[in-house]
Amino acid sequence: MLDNTPHAVAKFKGHSAIFMLDTGAGGIDIIFHKRAVEKFNLNASLDWRGVAEVTGLGTGSKGIKVYMLELYFLNYISMFSS
């Protein structure tokens, strides 16, 4: 848990990182921060499915724009604890 939000340590495309798990009503999602997308060059290497707007605590009245894709694998390592 980090800031009362579940996080997992996982390996994706050869990079180990801490991933925030979104457990909202829409299901369980993994959220990639914009910096991670840029650092790992994910825009060029993933099959993006579209754009959505996510609202929730702290996102403001408009929400935040997120890019959707189907993730076929993520090598889970462990739950993260601070």
N, C-alpha and C. Protein backbone atom coordinates (compact mmCIF):
# COMPACT_ATOMS: atom_id res chain seq x y z
N MET A 1 0.85 -1.18 0.00
CA MET A 1 0.00 0.00 0.00
C MET A 1 0.89 1.24 0.00
N LEU A 2 0.50 2.19 -0.78
CA LEU A 2 1.19 3.46 -0.84
C LEU A 2 0.11 4.52 -0.90
N ASP A 3 0.08 5.42 0.06
CA ASP A 3 -0.99 6.43 0.14
C ASP A 3 -2.37 5.78 0.14
N ASN A 4 -2.52 4.68 0.85
CA ASN A 4 -3.79 3.93 0.96
C ASN A 4 -4.29 3.39 -0.37
N THR A 5 -3.41 3.20 -1.32
CA THR A 5 -3.76 2.64 -2.62
C THR A 5 -2.87 1.43 -2.86
N PRO A 6 -3.46 0.30 -3.29
CA PRO A 6 -2.62 -0.89 -3.52
C PRO A 6 -1.68 -0.71 -4.70
N HIS A 7 -0.45 -1.12 -4.49
CA HIS A 7 0.59 -1.09 -5.52
C HIS A 7 1.24 -2.46 -5.58
N ALA A 8 1.71 -2.84 -6.74
CA ALA A 8 2.42 -4.11 -6.90
C ALA A 8 3.74 -3.86 -7.60
N VAL A 9 4.74 -4.64 -7.22
CA VAL A 9 6.01 -4.62 -7.93
C VAL A 9 5.89 -5.65 -9.05
N ALA A 10 6.18 -5.24 -10.26
CA ALA A 10 6.04 -6.14 -11.40
C ALA A 10 7.10 -5.81 -12.44
N LYS A 11 7.26 -6.72 -13.38
CA LYS A 11 8.20 -6.51 -14.48
C LYS A 11 7.39 -6.49 -15.77
N PHE A 12 7.64 -5.47 -16.57
CA PHE A 12 6.91 -5.29 -17.82
C PHE A 12 7.90 -4.86 -18.88
N LYS A 13 7.97 -5.60 -19.96
CA LYS A 13 8.86 -5.30 -21.07
C LYS A 13 10.30 -5.09 -20.60
N GLY A 14 10.73 -5.92 -19.63
CA GLY A 14 12.11 -5.88 -19.16
C GLY A 14 12.40 -4.83 -18.10
N HIS A 15 11.41 -4.07 -17.67
CA HIS A 15 11.59 -3.02 -16.68
C HIS A 15 10.84 -3.36 -15.40
N SER A 16 11.52 -3.41 -14.27
CA SER A 16 10.86 -3.59 -12.98
C SER A 16 10.37 -2.23 -12.50
N ALA A 17 9.15 -2.21 -11.97
CA ALA A 17 8.59 -0.95 -11.51
C ALA A 17 7.48 -1.22 -10.49
N ILE A 18 7.05 -0.16 -9.84
CA ILE A 18 5.91 -0.23 -8.93
C ILE A 18 4.70 0.25 -9.71
N PHE A 19 3.64 -0.55 -9.74
CA PHE A 19 2.43 -0.23 -10.48
C PHE A 19 1.28 0.01 -9.51
N MET A 20 0.54 1.10 -9.74
CA MET A 20 -0.65 1.36 -8.96
C MET A 20 -1.80 0.54 -9.51
N LEU A 21 -2.53 -0.13 -8.64
CA LEU A 21 -3.68 -0.92 -9.06
C LEU A 21 -4.94 -0.12 -8.81
N ASP A 22 -5.72 0.11 -9.84
CA ASP A 22 -6.97 0.84 -9.71
C ASP A 22 -8.07 -0.19 -9.49
N THR A 23 -8.66 -0.18 -8.33
CA THR A 23 -9.69 -1.17 -8.00
C THR A 23 -11.08 -0.56 -8.02
N GLY A 24 -11.29 0.44 -8.83
CA GLY A 24 -12.59 1.11 -8.93
C GLY A 24 -13.66 0.20 -9.51
N ALA A 25 -14.86 0.72 -9.64
CA ALA A 25 -16.01 -0.06 -10.08
C ALA A 25 -15.84 -0.66 -11.47
N GLY A 26 -14.97 -0.11 -12.29
CA GLY A 26 -14.78 -0.60 -13.64
C GLY A 26 -13.96 -1.88 -13.73
N GLY A 27 -13.44 -2.36 -12.63
CA GLY A 27 -12.59 -3.54 -12.64
C GLY A 27 -11.24 -3.20 -12.09
N ILE A 28 -10.27 -4.04 -12.33
CA ILE A 28 -8.92 -3.78 -11.86
C ILE A 28 -8.08 -3.38 -13.06
N ASP A 29 -7.47 -2.23 -12.96
CA ASP A 29 -6.65 -1.69 -14.03
C ASP A 29 -5.26 -1.39 -13.51
N ILE A 30 -4.32 -1.37 -14.40
CA ILE A 30 -2.97 -0.92 -14.07
C ILE A 30 -2.78 0.42 -14.75
N ILE A 31 -2.29 1.38 -14.00
CA ILE A 31 -2.14 2.73 -14.52
C ILE A 31 -0.67 3.02 -14.75
N PHE A 32 -0.33 3.41 -15.97
CA PHE A 32 1.03 3.82 -16.32
C PHE A 32 1.07 5.35 -16.27
N HIS A 33 1.95 5.89 -15.48
CA HIS A 33 2.14 7.33 -15.41
C HIS A 33 2.74 7.81 -16.73
N LYS A 34 2.43 9.03 -17.11
CA LYS A 34 2.93 9.60 -18.37
C LYS A 34 4.46 9.50 -18.46
N ARG A 35 5.16 9.73 -17.35
CA ARG A 35 6.62 9.64 -17.37
C ARG A 35 7.08 8.23 -17.72
N ALA A 36 6.38 7.22 -17.20
CA ALA A 36 6.76 5.83 -17.50
C ALA A 36 6.51 5.51 -18.97
N VAL A 37 5.40 6.00 -19.50
CA VAL A 37 5.10 5.79 -20.92
C VAL A 37 6.21 6.36 -21.78
N GLU A 38 6.67 7.55 -21.43
CA GLU A 38 7.74 8.18 -22.20
C GLU A 38 9.08 7.48 -21.98
N LYS A 39 9.42 7.18 -20.72
CA LYS A 39 10.71 6.57 -20.40
C LYS A 39 10.88 5.19 -21.05
N PHE A 40 9.81 4.39 -21.02
CA PHE A 40 9.88 3.03 -21.56
C PHE A 40 9.42 2.95 -23.01
N ASN A 41 9.15 4.10 -23.64
CA ASN A 41 8.72 4.18 -25.04
C ASN A 41 7.51 3.29 -25.31
N LEU A 42 6.52 3.36 -24.41
CA LEU A 42 5.35 2.49 -24.54
C LEU A 42 4.42 2.91 -25.67
N ASN A 43 4.42 4.19 -26.03
CA ASN A 43 3.54 4.62 -27.12
C ASN A 43 3.82 3.85 -28.41
N ALA A 44 5.08 3.57 -28.66
CA ALA A 44 5.46 2.90 -29.90
C ALA A 44 5.35 1.38 -29.81
N SER A 45 5.33 0.84 -28.60
CA SER A 45 5.44 -0.61 -28.47
C SER A 45 4.19 -1.33 -27.98
N LEU A 46 3.10 -0.61 -27.75
CA LEU A 46 1.88 -1.26 -27.28
C LEU A 46 0.73 -1.02 -28.25
N ASP A 47 -0.27 -1.87 -28.18
CA ASP A 47 -1.44 -1.81 -29.06
C ASP A 47 -2.55 -1.04 -28.35
N TRP A 48 -2.53 0.28 -28.51
CA TRP A 48 -3.50 1.14 -27.83
C TRP A 48 -4.88 0.98 -28.41
N ARG A 49 -5.92 0.99 -27.56
CA ARG A 49 -7.31 0.77 -27.98
C ARG A 49 -8.17 2.01 -27.98
N GLY A 50 -7.69 3.09 -27.42
CA GLY A 50 -8.50 4.30 -27.40
C GLY A 50 -8.20 5.14 -26.18
N VAL A 51 -9.03 6.17 -25.97
CA VAL A 51 -8.84 7.12 -24.88
C VAL A 51 -10.11 7.14 -24.05
N ALA A 52 -9.96 7.28 -22.74
CA ALA A 52 -11.10 7.38 -21.84
C ALA A 52 -10.82 8.49 -20.83
N GLU A 53 -11.85 8.90 -20.13
CA GLU A 53 -11.71 9.87 -19.06
C GLU A 53 -12.03 9.17 -17.75
N VAL A 54 -11.11 9.23 -16.80
CA VAL A 54 -11.28 8.57 -15.51
C VAL A 54 -11.52 9.63 -14.46
N THR A 55 -12.59 9.46 -13.70
CA THR A 55 -12.86 10.37 -12.60
C THR A 55 -12.71 9.60 -11.30
N GLY A 56 -12.41 10.31 -10.28
CA GLY A 56 -12.23 9.71 -8.97
C GLY A 56 -11.69 10.74 -8.02
N LEU A 57 -11.37 10.30 -6.85
CA LEU A 57 -10.86 11.19 -5.82
C LEU A 57 -9.62 11.93 -6.31
N GLY A 58 -9.68 13.25 -6.27
CA GLY A 58 -8.52 14.05 -6.63
C GLY A 58 -8.33 14.31 -8.12
N THR A 59 -9.27 13.88 -8.96
CA THR A 59 -9.09 14.09 -10.40
C THR A 59 -9.75 15.37 -10.90
N GLY A 60 -10.50 16.04 -10.05
CA GLY A 60 -11.20 17.25 -10.48
C GLY A 60 -12.50 16.90 -11.17
N SER A 61 -13.25 17.92 -11.57
CA SER A 61 -14.57 17.69 -12.16
C SER A 61 -14.50 17.05 -13.54
N LYS A 62 -13.43 17.28 -14.28
CA LYS A 62 -13.30 16.72 -15.62
C LYS A 62 -12.68 15.34 -15.63
N GLY A 63 -11.96 14.97 -14.60
CA GLY A 63 -11.25 13.70 -14.61
C GLY A 63 -9.92 13.83 -15.31
N ILE A 64 -9.31 12.69 -15.57
CA ILE A 64 -8.02 12.69 -16.26
C ILE A 64 -8.13 11.80 -17.49
N LYS A 65 -7.40 12.18 -18.54
CA LYS A 65 -7.41 11.42 -19.78
C LYS A 65 -6.44 10.24 -19.64
N VAL A 66 -6.91 9.05 -19.98
CA VAL A 66 -6.07 7.86 -19.94
C VAL A 66 -6.17 7.14 -21.28
N TYR A 67 -5.13 6.41 -21.61
CA TYR A 67 -5.10 5.63 -22.84
C TYR A 67 -5.34 4.17 -22.48
N MET A 68 -6.20 3.51 -23.23
CA MET A 68 -6.59 2.13 -22.93
C MET A 68 -5.88 1.16 -23.87
N LEU A 69 -5.59 0.01 -23.35
CA LEU A 69 -5.03 -1.07 -24.15
C LEU A 69 -5.31 -2.39 -23.45
N GLU A 70 -5.16 -3.47 -24.18
CA GLU A 70 -5.22 -4.79 -23.59
C GLU A 70 -3.81 -5.21 -23.26
N LEU A 71 -3.60 -5.54 -22.01
CA LEU A 71 -2.28 -5.96 -21.56
C LEU A 71 -2.32 -7.47 -21.40
N TYR A 72 -1.56 -8.16 -22.21
CA TYR A 72 -1.62 -9.62 -22.23
C TYR A 72 -0.73 -10.27 -21.19
N PHE A 73 0.24 -9.53 -20.67
CA PHE A 73 1.09 -10.11 -19.65
C PHE A 73 1.72 -9.02 -18.79
N LEU A 74 1.96 -9.36 -17.55
CA LEU A 74 2.68 -8.52 -16.61
C LEU A 74 3.24 -9.50 -15.59
N ASN A 75 4.54 -9.54 -15.45
CA ASN A 75 5.16 -10.48 -14.53
C ASN A 75 5.09 -9.93 -13.11
N TYR A 76 4.15 -10.45 -12.33
CA TYR A 76 3.95 -10.03 -10.95
C TYR A 76 5.12 -10.51 -10.10
N ILE A 77 5.65 -9.62 -9.26
CA ILE A 77 6.75 -9.99 -8.36
C ILE A 77 6.24 -10.03 -6.93
N SER A 78 5.65 -8.95 -6.43
CA SER A 78 5.14 -8.93 -5.06
C SER A 78 4.28 -7.70 -4.84
N MET A 79 3.53 -7.67 -3.75
CA MET A 79 2.82 -6.46 -3.37
C MET A 79 3.83 -5.49 -2.79
N PHE A 80 3.63 -4.22 -3.04
CA PHE A 80 4.54 -3.20 -2.54
C PHE A 80 4.06 -2.72 -1.19
N SER A 81 4.97 -2.59 -0.25
CA SER A 81 4.63 -1.97 1.03
C SER A 81 5.70 -0.94 1.36
N SER A 82 5.22 0.23 1.79
CA SER A 82 6.16 1.32 2.07
C SER A 82 6.76 1.20 3.45
